[in-house]
PDB file of all heavy atoms in Angstrom:
ATOM      1  N   TYR A   1     112.094 -81.585 190.876  1.00  0.00           N
ATOM      2  CA  TYR A   1     113.438 -81.859 190.375  1.00  0.00           C
ATOM      3  C   TYR A   1     114.468 -81.630 191.471  1.00  0.00           C
ATOM      4  O   TYR A   1     114.330 -80.731 192.298  1.00  0.00           O
ATOM      5  CB  TYR A   1     113.767 -80.983 189.171  1.00  0.00           C
ATOM      6  CG  TYR A   1     112.868 -81.226 187.978  1.00  0.00           C
ATOM      7  CD1 TYR A   1     112.226 -80.173 187.359  1.00  0.00           C
ATOM      8  CD2 TYR A   1     112.658 -82.516 187.492  1.00  0.00           C
ATOM      9  CE1 TYR A   1     111.396 -80.388 186.271  1.00  0.00           C
ATOM     10  CE2 TYR A   1     111.835 -82.738 186.407  1.00  0.00           C
ATOM     11  CZ  TYR A   1     111.208 -81.671 185.797  1.00  0.00           C
ATOM     12  OH  TYR A   1     110.390 -81.892 184.732  1.00  0.00           O
ATOM     13  N   PHE A   2     115.528 -82.426 191.437  1.00  0.00           N
ATOM     14  CA  PHE A   2     116.561 -82.394 192.474  1.00  0.00           C
ATOM     15  C   PHE A   2     117.112 -80.990 192.690  1.00  0.00           C
ATOM     16  O   PHE A   2     117.134 -80.497 193.818  1.00  0.00           O
ATOM     17  CB  PHE A   2     117.705 -83.363 192.109  1.00  0.00           C
ATOM     18  CG  PHE A   2     118.823 -83.359 193.115  1.00  0.00           C
ATOM     19  CD1 PHE A   2     118.754 -84.189 194.221  1.00  0.00           C
ATOM     20  CD2 PHE A   2     119.919 -82.517 192.976  1.00  0.00           C
ATOM     21  CE1 PHE A   2     119.769 -84.185 195.172  1.00  0.00           C
ATOM     22  CE2 PHE A   2     120.936 -82.506 193.917  1.00  0.00           C
ATOM     23  CZ  PHE A   2     120.857 -83.345 195.019  1.00  0.00           C
ATOM     24  N   LYS A   3     117.570 -80.346 191.639  1.00  0.00           N
ATOM     25  CA  LYS A   3     118.203 -79.028 191.771  1.00  0.00           C
ATOM     26  C   LYS A   3     117.237 -78.003 192.362  1.00  0.00           C
ATOM     27  O   LYS A   3     117.596 -77.247 193.267  1.00  0.00           O
ATOM     28  CB  LYS A   3     118.709 -78.551 190.413  1.00  0.00           C
ATOM     29  CG  LYS A   3     119.426 -77.224 190.465  1.00  0.00           C
ATOM     30  CD  LYS A   3     119.932 -76.818 189.092  1.00  0.00           C
ATOM     31  CE  LYS A   3     120.592 -75.453 189.148  1.00  0.00           C
ATOM     32  NZ  LYS A   3     121.045 -75.000 187.841  1.00  0.00           N
ATOM     33  N   GLU A   4     116.020 -78.000 191.885  1.00  0.00           N
ATOM     34  CA  GLU A   4     115.025 -77.041 192.376  1.00  0.00           C
ATOM     35  C   GLU A   4     114.702 -77.292 193.852  1.00  0.00           C
ATOM     36  O   GLU A   4     114.683 -76.369 194.665  1.00  0.00           O
ATOM     37  CB  GLU A   4     113.757 -77.148 191.535  1.00  0.00           C
ATOM     38  CG  GLU A   4     112.662 -76.211 191.997  1.00  0.00           C
ATOM     39  CD  GLU A   4     111.372 -76.374 191.223  1.00  0.00           C
ATOM     40  OE1 GLU A   4     111.299 -77.238 190.324  1.00  0.00           O
ATOM     41  OE2 GLU A   4     110.431 -75.636 191.533  1.00  0.00           O
ATOM     42  N   MET A   5     114.477 -78.557 194.208  1.00  0.00           N
ATOM     43  CA  MET A   5     114.135 -78.877 195.587  1.00  0.00           C
ATOM     44  C   MET A   5     115.317 -78.610 196.525  1.00  0.00           C
ATOM     45  O   MET A   5     115.129 -78.126 197.643  1.00  0.00           O
ATOM     46  CB  MET A   5     113.660 -80.331 195.708  1.00  0.00           C
ATOM     47  CG  MET A   5     112.316 -80.589 195.039  1.00  0.00           C
ATOM     48  SD  MET A   5     110.977 -79.516 195.627  1.00  0.00           S
ATOM     49  CE  MET A   5     110.801 -80.072 197.307  1.00  0.00           C
ATOM     50  N   PHE A   6     116.517 -78.896 196.060  1.00  0.00           N
ATOM     51  CA  PHE A   6     117.705 -78.617 196.858  1.00  0.00           C
ATOM     52  C   PHE A   6     117.805 -77.130 197.172  1.00  0.00           C
ATOM     53  O   PHE A   6     117.998 -76.734 198.325  1.00  0.00           O
ATOM     54  CB  PHE A   6     118.961 -79.105 196.130  1.00  0.00           C
ATOM     55  CG  PHE A   6     120.244 -78.790 196.854  1.00  0.00           C
ATOM     56  CD1 PHE A   6     120.665 -79.597 197.908  1.00  0.00           C
ATOM     57  CD2 PHE A   6     121.017 -77.699 196.502  1.00  0.00           C
ATOM     58  CE1 PHE A   6     121.838 -79.308 198.594  1.00  0.00           C
ATOM     59  CE2 PHE A   6     122.195 -77.401 197.179  1.00  0.00           C
ATOM     60  CZ  PHE A   6     122.608 -78.208 198.229  1.00  0.00           C
ATOM     61  N   LEU A   7     117.665 -76.293 196.148  1.00  0.00           N
ATOM     62  CA  LEU A   7     117.764 -74.842 196.349  1.00  0.00           C
ATOM     63  C   LEU A   7     116.652 -74.328 197.256  1.00  0.00           C
ATOM     64  O   LEU A   7     116.894 -73.485 198.131  1.00  0.00           O
ATOM     65  CB  LEU A   7     117.746 -74.122 195.003  1.00  0.00           C
ATOM     66  CG  LEU A   7     118.975 -74.348 194.123  1.00  0.00           C
ATOM     67  CD1 LEU A   7     118.780 -73.713 192.746  1.00  0.00           C
ATOM     68  CD2 LEU A   7     120.237 -73.822 194.784  1.00  0.00           C
ATOM     69  N   LEU A   8     115.442 -74.833 197.068  1.00  0.00           N
ATOM     70  CA  LEU A   8     114.328 -74.415 197.924  1.00  0.00           C
ATOM     71  C   LEU A   8     114.542 -74.864 199.370  1.00  0.00           C
ATOM     72  O   LEU A   8     114.271 -74.109 200.310  1.00  0.00           O
ATOM     73  CB  LEU A   8     113.004 -74.976 197.395  1.00  0.00           C
ATOM     74  CG  LEU A   8     112.456 -74.337 196.126  1.00  0.00           C
ATOM     75  CD1 LEU A   8     111.266 -75.123 195.607  1.00  0.00           C
ATOM     76  CD2 LEU A   8     112.075 -72.880 196.370  1.00  0.00           C
ATOM     77  N   ALA A   9     115.033 -76.076 199.542  1.00  0.00           N
ATOM     78  CA  ALA A   9     115.271 -76.588 200.897  1.00  0.00           C
ATOM     79  C   ALA A   9     116.347 -75.774 201.609  1.00  0.00           C
ATOM     80  O   ALA A   9     116.212 -75.450 202.793  1.00  0.00           O
ATOM     81  CB  ALA A   9     115.650 -78.069 200.841  1.00  0.00           C
ATOM     82  N   VAL A  10     117.405 -75.428 200.895  1.00  0.00           N
ATOM     83  CA  VAL A  10     118.461 -74.605 201.493  1.00  0.00           C
ATOM     84  C   VAL A  10     117.912 -73.216 201.824  1.00  0.00           C
ATOM     85  O   VAL A  10     118.103 -72.704 202.931  1.00  0.00           O
ATOM     86  CB  VAL A  10     119.695 -74.507 200.563  1.00  0.00           C
ATOM     87  CG1 VAL A  10     120.671 -73.453 201.066  1.00  0.00           C
ATOM     88  CG2 VAL A  10     120.391 -75.859 200.457  1.00  0.00           C
ATOM     89  N   ALA A  11     117.208 -72.621 200.870  1.00  0.00           N
ATOM     90  CA  ALA A  11     116.690 -71.258 201.061  1.00  0.00           C
ATOM     91  C   ALA A  11     115.727 -71.176 202.244  1.00  0.00           C
ATOM     92  O   ALA A  11     115.749 -70.196 202.994  1.00  0.00           O
ATOM     93  CB  ALA A  11     116.000 -70.775 199.793  1.00  0.00           C
ATOM     94  N   THR A  12     114.891 -72.187 202.409  1.00  0.00           N
ATOM     95  CA  THR A  12     113.908 -72.136 203.503  1.00  0.00           C
ATOM     96  C   THR A  12     114.490 -72.556 204.845  1.00  0.00           C
ATOM     97  O   THR A  12     113.817 -72.426 205.869  1.00  0.00           O
ATOM     98  CB  THR A  12     112.680 -73.021 203.192  1.00  0.00           C
ATOM     99  OG1 THR A  12     113.100 -74.364 202.977  1.00  0.00           O
ATOM    100  CG2 THR A  12     111.914 -72.504 201.989  1.00  0.00           C
ATOM    101  N   SER A  13     115.729 -73.047 204.868  1.00  0.00           N
ATOM    102  CA  SER A  13     116.292 -73.514 206.131  1.00  0.00           C
ATOM    103  C   SER A  13     117.460 -72.671 206.631  1.00  0.00           C
ATOM    104  O   SER A  13     118.043 -72.989 207.663  1.00  0.00           O
ATOM    105  CB  SER A  13     116.729 -74.977 206.002  1.00  0.00           C
ATOM    106  OG  SER A  13     117.756 -75.120 205.055  1.00  0.00           O
ATOM    107  N   ILE A  14     117.779 -71.598 205.947  1.00  0.00           N
ATOM    108  CA  ILE A  14     118.870 -70.722 206.402  1.00  0.00           C
ATOM    109  C   ILE A  14     118.563 -70.179 207.800  1.00  0.00           C
ATOM    110  O   ILE A  14     119.455 -70.091 208.651  1.00  0.00           O
ATOM    111  CB  ILE A  14     119.112 -69.562 205.410  1.00  0.00           C
ATOM    112  CG1 ILE A  14     119.632 -70.112 204.080  1.00  0.00           C
ATOM    113  CG2 ILE A  14     120.049 -68.523 205.981  1.00  0.00           C
ATOM    114  CD1 ILE A  14     120.969 -70.779 204.137  1.00  0.00           C
ATOM    115  N   ASP A  15     117.310 -69.844 208.048  1.00  0.00           N
ATOM    116  CA  ASP A  15     116.950 -69.341 209.374  1.00  0.00           C
ATOM    117  C   ASP A  15     117.178 -70.402 210.457  1.00  0.00           C
ATOM    118  O   ASP A  15     117.506 -70.078 211.598  1.00  0.00           O
ATOM    119  CB  ASP A  15     115.516 -68.822 209.409  1.00  0.00           C
ATOM    120  CG  ASP A  15     114.490 -69.795 208.846  1.00  0.00           C
ATOM    121  OD1 ASP A  15     114.880 -70.858 208.330  1.00  0.00           O
ATOM    122  OD2 ASP A  15     113.288 -69.474 208.903  1.00  0.00           O
ATOM    123  N   ALA A  16     117.045 -71.670 210.105  1.00  0.00           N
ATOM    124  CA  ALA A  16     117.297 -72.739 211.069  1.00  0.00           C
ATOM    125  C   ALA A  16     118.783 -72.804 211.445  1.00  0.00           C
ATOM    126  O   ALA A  16     119.120 -73.204 212.560  1.00  0.00           O
ATOM    127  CB  ALA A  16     116.828 -74.087 210.508  1.00  0.00           C
ATOM    128  N   LEU A  17     119.653 -72.408 210.539  1.00  0.00           N
ATOM    129  CA  LEU A  17     121.085 -72.329 210.842  1.00  0.00           C
ATOM    130  C   LEU A  17     121.322 -71.314 211.964  1.00  0.00           C
ATOM    131  O   LEU A  17     122.033 -71.592 212.933  1.00  0.00           O
ATOM    132  CB  LEU A  17     121.867 -71.941 209.590  1.00  0.00           C
ATOM    133  CG  LEU A  17     123.377 -71.792 209.755  1.00  0.00           C
ATOM    134  CD1 LEU A  17     124.029 -73.164 209.765  1.00  0.00           C
ATOM    135  CD2 LEU A  17     123.939 -70.962 208.616  1.00  0.00           C
ATOM    136  N   ALA A  18     120.694 -70.157 211.837  1.00  0.00           N
ATOM    137  CA  ALA A  18     120.826 -69.119 212.866  1.00  0.00           C
ATOM    138  C   ALA A  18     120.232 -69.583 214.194  1.00  0.00           C
ATOM    139  O   ALA A  18     120.788 -69.309 215.262  1.00  0.00           O
ATOM    140  CB  ALA A  18     120.156 -67.830 212.397  1.00  0.00           C
ATOM    141  N   VAL A  19     119.123 -70.299 214.143  1.00  0.00           N
ATOM    142  CA  VAL A  19     118.525 -70.815 215.368  1.00  0.00           C
ATOM    143  C   VAL A  19     119.456 -71.837 216.012  1.00  0.00           C
ATOM    144  O   VAL A  19     119.573 -71.898 217.239  1.00  0.00           O
ATOM    145  CB  VAL A  19     117.122 -71.401 215.087  1.00  0.00           C
ATOM    146  CG1 VAL A  19     116.600 -72.184 216.279  1.00  0.00           C
ATOM    147  CG2 VAL A  19     116.162 -70.278 214.738  1.00  0.00           C
ATOM    148  N   GLY A  20     120.147 -72.630 215.204  1.00  0.00           N
ATOM    149  CA  GLY A  20     121.126 -73.581 215.736  1.00  0.00           C
ATOM    150  C   GLY A  20     122.231 -72.883 216.498  1.00  0.00           C
ATOM    151  O   GLY A  20     122.693 -73.373 217.543  1.00  0.00           O
ATOM    152  N   ILE A  21     122.678 -71.737 215.997  1.00  0.00           N
ATOM    153  CA  ILE A  21     123.682 -70.939 216.710  1.00  0.00           C
ATOM    154  C   ILE A  21     123.117 -70.509 218.071  1.00  0.00           C
ATOM    155  O   ILE A  21     123.784 -70.614 219.092  1.00  0.00           O
ATOM    156  CB  ILE A  21     124.120 -69.722 215.868  1.00  0.00           C
ATOM    157  CG1 ILE A  21     124.868 -70.190 214.619  1.00  0.00           C
ATOM    158  CG2 ILE A  21     124.963 -68.754 216.688  1.00  0.00           C
ATOM    159  CD1 ILE A  21     125.128 -69.101 213.589  1.00  0.00           C
ATOM    160  N   THR A  22     121.879 -70.073 218.053  1.00  0.00           N
ATOM    161  CA  THR A  22     121.202 -69.685 219.291  1.00  0.00           C
ATOM    162  C   THR A  22     121.113 -70.872 220.253  1.00  0.00           C
ATOM    163  O   THR A  22     121.337 -70.728 221.453  1.00  0.00           O
ATOM    164  CB  THR A  22     119.788 -69.155 218.972  1.00  0.00           C
ATOM    165  OG1 THR A  22     119.903 -68.038 218.096  1.00  0.00           O
ATOM    166  CG2 THR A  22     119.047 -68.750 220.223  1.00  0.00           C
ATOM    167  N   PHE A  23     120.799 -72.041 219.734  1.00  0.00           N
ATOM    168  CA  PHE A  23     120.715 -73.242 220.572  1.00  0.00           C
ATOM    169  C   PHE A  23     122.052 -73.535 221.263  1.00  0.00           C
ATOM    170  O   PHE A  23     122.085 -73.983 222.402  1.00  0.00           O
ATOM    171  CB  PHE A  23     120.291 -74.457 219.752  1.00  0.00           C
ATOM    172  CG  PHE A  23     118.821 -74.512 219.411  1.00  0.00           C
ATOM    173  CD1 PHE A  23     118.348 -75.486 218.552  1.00  0.00           C
ATOM    174  CD2 PHE A  23     117.910 -73.624 219.947  1.00  0.00           C
ATOM    175  CE1 PHE A  23     117.004 -75.573 218.235  1.00  0.00           C
ATOM    176  CE2 PHE A  23     116.562 -73.684 219.639  1.00  0.00           C
ATOM    177  CZ  PHE A  23     116.111 -74.671 218.785  1.00  0.00           C
ATOM    178  N   ALA A  24     123.148 -73.295 220.567  1.00  0.00           N
ATOM    179  CA  ALA A  24     124.464 -73.522 221.171  1.00  0.00           C
ATOM    180  C   ALA A  24     124.666 -72.583 222.361  1.00  0.00           C
ATOM    181  O   ALA A  24     125.172 -73.004 223.411  1.00  0.00           O
ATOM    182  CB  ALA A  24     125.577 -73.318 220.141  1.00  0.00           C
ATOM    183  N   PHE A  25     124.275 -71.334 222.205  1.00  0.00           N
ATOM    184  CA  PHE A  25     124.440 -70.365 223.287  1.00  0.00           C
ATOM    185  C   PHE A  25     123.557 -70.711 224.483  1.00  0.00           C
ATOM    186  O   PHE A  25     123.930 -70.477 225.620  1.00  0.00           O
ATOM    187  CB  PHE A  25     124.109 -68.950 222.808  1.00  0.00           C
ATOM    188  CG  PHE A  25     124.995 -68.469 221.696  1.00  0.00           C
ATOM    189  CD1 PHE A  25     124.520 -67.561 220.777  1.00  0.00           C
ATOM    190  CD2 PHE A  25     126.301 -68.921 221.548  1.00  0.00           C
ATOM    191  CE1 PHE A  25     125.327 -67.098 219.753  1.00  0.00           C
ATOM    192  CE2 PHE A  25     127.108 -68.473 220.528  1.00  0.00           C
ATOM    193  CZ  PHE A  25     126.623 -67.557 219.626  1.00  0.00           C
ATOM    194  N   LEU A  26     122.382 -71.265 224.197  1.00  0.00           N
ATOM    195  CA  LEU A  26     121.442 -71.605 225.264  1.00  0.00           C
ATOM    196  C   LEU A  26     121.648 -73.019 225.800  1.00  0.00           C
ATOM    197  O   LEU A  26     120.923 -73.461 226.688  1.00  0.00           O
ATOM    198  CB  LEU A  26     120.003 -71.466 224.749  1.00  0.00           C
ATOM    199  CG  LEU A  26     119.591 -70.068 224.288  1.00  0.00           C
ATOM    200  CD1 LEU A  26     118.186 -70.092 223.716  1.00  0.00           C
ATOM    201  CD2 LEU A  26     119.704 -69.068 225.422  1.00  0.00           C
ATOM    202  N   ARG A  27     122.623 -73.714 225.229  1.00  0.00           N
ATOM    203  CA  ARG A  27     122.960 -75.088 225.624  1.00  0.00           C
ATOM    204  C   ARG A  27     121.764 -76.043 225.513  1.00  0.00           C
ATOM    205  O   ARG A  27     121.484 -76.844 226.404  1.00  0.00           O
ATOM    206  CB  ARG A  27     123.543 -75.120 227.027  1.00  0.00           C
ATOM    207  CG  ARG A  27     124.879 -74.410 227.108  1.00  0.00           C
ATOM    208  CD  ARG A  27     125.452 -74.488 228.514  1.00  0.00           C
ATOM    209  NE  ARG A  27     126.720 -73.806 228.610  1.00  0.00           N
ATOM    210  CZ  ARG A  27     126.865 -72.504 228.839  1.00  0.00           C
ATOM    211  NH1 ARG A  27     125.822 -71.737 229.001  1.00  0.00           N
ATOM    212  NH2 ARG A  27     128.068 -71.963 228.927  1.00  0.00           N
ATOM    213  N   VAL A  28     121.067 -75.936 224.398  1.00  0.00           N
ATOM    214  CA  VAL A  28     119.943 -76.823 224.106  1.00  0.00           C
ATOM    215  C   VAL A  28     120.498 -78.173 223.661  1.00  0.00           C
ATOM    216  O   VAL A  28     121.489 -78.230 222.935  1.00  0.00           O
ATOM    217  CB  VAL A  28     119.049 -76.203 222.990  1.00  0.00           C
ATOM    218  CG1 VAL A  28     118.001 -77.175 222.514  1.00  0.00           C
ATOM    219  CG2 VAL A  28     118.414 -74.913 223.486  1.00  0.00           C
ATOM    220  N   ASP A  29     119.883 -79.257 224.080  1.00  0.00           N
ATOM    221  CA  ASP A  29     120.279 -80.593 223.631  1.00  0.00           C
ATOM    222  C   ASP A  29     119.903 -80.703 222.148  1.00  0.00           C
ATOM    223  O   ASP A  29     118.729 -80.836 221.800  1.00  0.00           O
ATOM    224  CB  ASP A  29     119.570 -81.658 224.471  1.00  0.00           C
ATOM    225  CG  ASP A  29     120.119 -83.044 224.243  1.00  0.00           C
ATOM    226  OD1 ASP A  29     121.062 -83.207 223.440  1.00  0.00           O
ATOM    227  OD2 ASP A  29     119.595 -83.985 224.873  1.00  0.00           O
ATOM    228  N   ILE A  30     120.898 -80.639 221.279  1.00  0.00           N
ATOM    229  CA  ILE A  30     120.668 -80.425 219.852  1.00  0.00           C
ATOM    230  C   ILE A  30     120.043 -81.614 219.137  1.00  0.00           C
ATOM    231  O   ILE A  30     119.233 -81.432 218.230  1.00  0.00           O
ATOM    232  CB  ILE A  30     121.964 -79.958 219.128  1.00  0.00           C
ATOM    233  CG1 ILE A  30     121.653 -79.445 217.718  1.00  0.00           C
ATOM    234  CG2 ILE A  30     122.987 -81.056 219.103  1.00  0.00           C
ATOM    235  CD1 ILE A  30     120.765 -78.250 217.651  1.00  0.00           C
ATOM    236  N   LEU A  31     120.382 -82.834 219.490  1.00  0.00           N
ATOM    237  CA  LEU A  31     119.854 -83.988 218.750  1.00  0.00           C
ATOM    238  C   LEU A  31     118.327 -84.099 218.840  1.00  0.00           C
ATOM    239  O   LEU A  31     117.665 -84.206 217.800  1.00  0.00           O
ATOM    240  CB  LEU A  31     120.540 -85.281 219.183  1.00  0.00           C
ATOM    241  CG  LEU A  31     122.015 -85.380 218.789  1.00  0.00           C
ATOM    242  CD1 LEU A  31     122.622 -86.674 219.306  1.00  0.00           C
ATOM    243  CD2 LEU A  31     122.196 -85.259 217.289  1.00  0.00           C
ATOM    244  N   PRO A  32     117.736 -84.061 220.032  1.00  0.00           N
ATOM    245  CA  PRO A  32     116.271 -84.080 220.067  1.00  0.00           C
ATOM    246  C   PRO A  32     115.658 -82.835 219.411  1.00  0.00           C
ATOM    247  O   PRO A  32     114.622 -82.928 218.749  1.00  0.00           O
ATOM    248  CB  PRO A  32     115.925 -84.119 221.552  1.00  0.00           C
ATOM    249  CG  PRO A  32     117.164 -84.499 222.255  1.00  0.00           C
ATOM    250  CD  PRO A  32     118.306 -84.127 221.376  1.00  0.00           C
ATOM    251  N   ALA A  33     116.309 -81.693 219.578  1.00  0.00           N
ATOM    252  CA  ALA A  33     115.787 -80.454 218.994  1.00  0.00           C
ATOM    253  C   ALA A  33     115.756 -80.536 217.470  1.00  0.00           C
ATOM    254  O   ALA A  33     114.752 -80.198 216.841  1.00  0.00           O
ATOM    255  CB  ALA A  33     116.620 -79.259 219.442  1.00  0.00           C
ATOM    256  N   MET A  34     116.858 -80.998 216.873  1.00  0.00           N
ATOM    257  CA  MET A  34     116.883 -81.070 215.406  1.00  0.00           C
ATOM    258  C   MET A  34     115.903 -82.122 214.899  1.00  0.00           C
ATOM    259  O   MET A  34     115.275 -81.930 213.861  1.00  0.00           O
ATOM    260  CB  MET A  34     118.291 -81.293 214.876  1.00  0.00           C
ATOM    261  CG  MET A  34     118.928 -82.597 215.247  1.00  0.00           C
ATOM    262  SD  MET A  34     120.638 -82.742 214.696  1.00  0.00           S
ATOM    263  CE  MET A  34     120.409 -83.391 213.060  1.00  0.00           C
ATOM    264  N   GLY A  35     115.731 -83.211 215.625  1.00  0.00           N
ATOM    265  CA  GLY A  35     114.742 -84.215 215.233  1.00  0.00           C
ATOM    266  C   GLY A  35     113.330 -83.664 215.293  1.00  0.00           C
ATOM    267  O   GLY A  35     112.522 -83.881 214.389  1.00  0.00           O
ATOM    268  N   PHE A  36     113.048 -82.938 216.361  1.00  0.00           N
ATOM    269  CA  PHE A  36     111.726 -82.344 216.540  1.00  0.00           C
ATOM    270  C   PHE A  36     111.432 -81.329 215.434  1.00  0.00           C
ATOM    271  O   PHE A  36     110.345 -81.316 214.862  1.00  0.00           O
ATOM    272  CB  PHE A  36     111.666 -81.682 217.923  1.00  0.00           C
ATOM    273  CG  PHE A  36     110.288 -81.418 218.416  1.00  0.00           C
ATOM    274  CD1 PHE A  36     109.504 -82.451 218.905  1.00  0.00           C
ATOM    275  CD2 PHE A  36     109.776 -80.141 218.404  1.00  0.00           C
ATOM    276  CE1 PHE A  36     108.223 -82.203 219.373  1.00  0.00           C
ATOM    277  CE2 PHE A  36     108.504 -79.876 218.871  1.00  0.00           C
ATOM    278  CZ  PHE A  36     107.719 -80.913 219.362  1.00  0.00           C
ATOM    279  N   ILE A  37     112.405 -80.487 215.128  1.00  0.00           N
ATOM    280  CA  ILE A  37     112.245 -79.482 214.070  1.00  0.00           C
ATOM    281  C   ILE A  37     112.062 -80.171 212.712  1.00  0.00           C
ATOM    282  O   ILE A  37     111.198 -79.789 211.920  1.00  0.00           O
ATOM    283  CB  ILE A  37     113.446 -78.518 214.044  1.00  0.00           C
ATOM    284  CG1 ILE A  37     113.423 -77.632 215.289  1.00  0.00           C
ATOM    285  CG2 ILE A  37     113.457 -77.677 212.768  1.00  0.00           C
ATOM    286  CD1 ILE A  37     114.704 -76.848 215.525  1.00  0.00           C
ATOM    287  N   GLY A  38     112.858 -81.207 212.446  1.00  0.00           N
ATOM    288  CA  GLY A  38     112.761 -81.922 211.177  1.00  0.00           C
ATOM    289  C   GLY A  38     111.407 -82.589 210.986  1.00  0.00           C
ATOM    290  O   GLY A  38     110.799 -82.498 209.921  1.00  0.00           O
ATOM    291  N   VAL A  39     110.924 -83.266 212.032  1.00  0.00           N
ATOM    292  CA  VAL A  39     109.634 -83.957 211.939  1.00  0.00           C
ATOM    293  C   VAL A  39     108.497 -82.945 211.787  1.00  0.00           C
ATOM    294  O   VAL A  39     107.586 -83.138 210.967  1.00  0.00           O
ATOM    295  CB  VAL A  39     109.412 -84.874 213.167  1.00  0.00           C
ATOM    296  CG1 VAL A  39     107.986 -85.379 213.230  1.00  0.00           C
ATOM    297  CG2 VAL A  39     110.388 -86.043 213.129  1.00  0.00           C
ATOM    298  N   THR A  40     108.543 -81.871 212.556  1.00  0.00           N
ATOM    299  CA  THR A  40     107.514 -80.838 212.451  1.00  0.00           C
ATOM    300  C   THR A  40     107.474 -80.261 211.039  1.00  0.00           C
ATOM    301  O   THR A  40     106.407 -80.105 210.444  1.00  0.00           O
ATOM    302  CB  THR A  40     107.764 -79.710 213.480  1.00  0.00           C
ATOM    303  OG1 THR A  40     107.764 -80.280 214.795  1.00  0.00           O
ATOM    304  CG2 THR A  40     106.703 -78.625 213.393  1.00  0.00           C
ATOM    305  N   THR A  41     108.645 -79.958 210.492  1.00  0.00           N
ATOM    306  CA  THR A  41     108.711 -79.401 209.136  1.00  0.00           C
ATOM    307  C   THR A  41     108.247 -80.423 208.109  1.00  0.00           C
ATOM    308  O   THR A  41     107.541 -80.069 207.159  1.00  0.00           O
ATOM    309  CB  THR A  41     110.134 -78.924 208.808  1.00  0.00           C
ATOM    310  OG1 THR A  41     110.535 -77.977 209.793  1.00  0.00           O
ATOM    311  CG2 THR A  41     110.200 -78.286 207.436  1.00  0.00           C
ATOM    312  N   PHE A  42     108.630 -81.687 208.287  1.00  0.00           N
ATOM    313  CA  PHE A  42     108.177 -82.737 207.367  1.00  0.00           C
ATOM    314  C   PHE A  42     106.658 -82.760 207.306  1.00  0.00           C
ATOM    315  O   PHE A  42     106.068 -82.722 206.222  1.00  0.00           O
ATOM    316  CB  PHE A  42     108.707 -84.111 207.802  1.00  0.00           C
ATOM    317  CG  PHE A  42     108.070 -85.250 207.052  1.00  0.00           C
ATOM    318  CD1 PHE A  42     108.550 -85.616 205.805  1.00  0.00           C
ATOM    319  CD2 PHE A  42     106.980 -85.928 207.578  1.00  0.00           C
ATOM    320  CE1 PHE A  42     107.949 -86.651 205.091  1.00  0.00           C
ATOM    321  CE2 PHE A  42     106.379 -86.960 206.875  1.00  0.00           C
ATOM    322  CZ  PHE A  42     106.861 -87.325 205.634  1.00  0.00           C
ATOM    323  N   VAL A  43     106.018 -82.818 208.461  1.00  0.00           N
ATOM    324  CA  VAL A  43     104.559 -82.916 208.521  1.00  0.00           C
ATOM    325  C   VAL A  43     103.909 -81.671 207.909  1.00  0.00           C
ATOM    326  O   VAL A  43     103.011 -81.776 207.062  1.00  0.00           O
ATOM    327  CB  VAL A  43     104.080 -83.131 209.974  1.00  0.00           C
ATOM    328  CG1 VAL A  43     102.569 -82.978 210.092  1.00  0.00           C
ATOM    329  CG2 VAL A  43     104.524 -84.497 210.483  1.00  0.00           C
TER     330      VAL A  43
END
């Protein structure tokens, strides 16, 4: 169900928000990084 999956997706990705902050400090190229993380998580 939409509501359940939305809440689970948000809950399991909060740590990725913090990693994104870290990526900014390390000047990581964010577009390939987020694509790589998304595809890895999808699989």
